Amino acid sequence: MLETIALVLIILWILGLVSSTTMGGFIHLLLVIAIIVILVRVIQGRG
């Protein structure tokens, strides 16, 4: 579940870069959230 959410957020971020949207801050916030979700998942997997 978390991997899917992170993947969707990363795809949305990439699409935001390609489409040159004016919501740059929001797109980068999504990227930060996706990275945090991935890191938490990796830490929980090894824990």
Protein backbone atom coordinates (compact mmCIF):
# COMPACT_ATOMS: atom_id res chain seq x y z
CA MET A 1 0.00 0.00 0.00
CA LEU A 2 2.70 2.51 0.98
CA GLU A 3 4.79 1.60 -2.07
CA THR A 4 1.82 2.29 -4.33
CA ILE A 5 1.17 5.68 -2.75
CA ALA A 6 4.84 6.65 -3.02
CA LEU A 7 4.96 5.53 -6.66
CA VAL A 8 1.87 7.57 -7.52
CA LEU A 9 3.31 10.65 -5.80
CA ILE A 10 6.60 10.32 -7.69
CA ILE A 11 4.78 9.92 -11.01
CA LEU A 12 2.68 13.00 -10.27
CA TRP A 13 5.86 14.93 -9.44
CA ILE A 14 7.51 13.89 -12.73
CA LEU A 15 4.38 14.82 -14.66
CA GLY A 16 4.37 18.17 -12.89
CA LEU A 17 7.94 18.84 -14.03
CA VAL A 18 7.14 17.86 -17.62
CA SER A 19 3.90 19.84 -17.83
CA SER A 20 5.51 22.98 -16.33
CA THR A 21 2.58 23.56 -14.00
CA THR A 22 2.33 26.63 -11.79
CA MET A 23 1.89 24.44 -8.70
CA GLY A 24 5.63 23.91 -8.31
CA GLY A 25 5.64 24.14 -4.53
CA PHE A 26 2.85 21.58 -4.23
CA ILE A 27 4.60 19.19 -6.63
CA HIS A 28 7.84 19.37 -4.64
CA LEU A 29 5.89 18.81 -1.43
CA LEU A 30 4.50 15.61 -2.99
CA LEU A 31 8.05 14.52 -3.80
CA VAL A 32 9.18 15.08 -0.21
CA ILE A 33 6.19 13.08 1.10
CA ALA A 34 6.94 10.25 -1.34
CA ILE A 35 10.59 10.09 -0.24
CA ILE A 36 9.57 10.04 3.43
CA VAL A 37 7.10 7.21 2.76
CA ILE A 38 9.78 5.20 0.94
CA LEU A 39 12.31 5.74 3.74
CA VAL A 40 9.80 4.70 6.41
CA ARG A 41 8.94 1.59 4.41
CA VAL A 42 12.63 0.64 4.03
CA ILE A 43 13.29 1.19 7.73
CA GLN A 44 10.24 -0.87 8.73
CA GLY A 45 11.24 -3.64 6.31
CA ARG A 46 14.70 -3.98 7.85
CA GLY A 47 13.49 -3.48 11.43
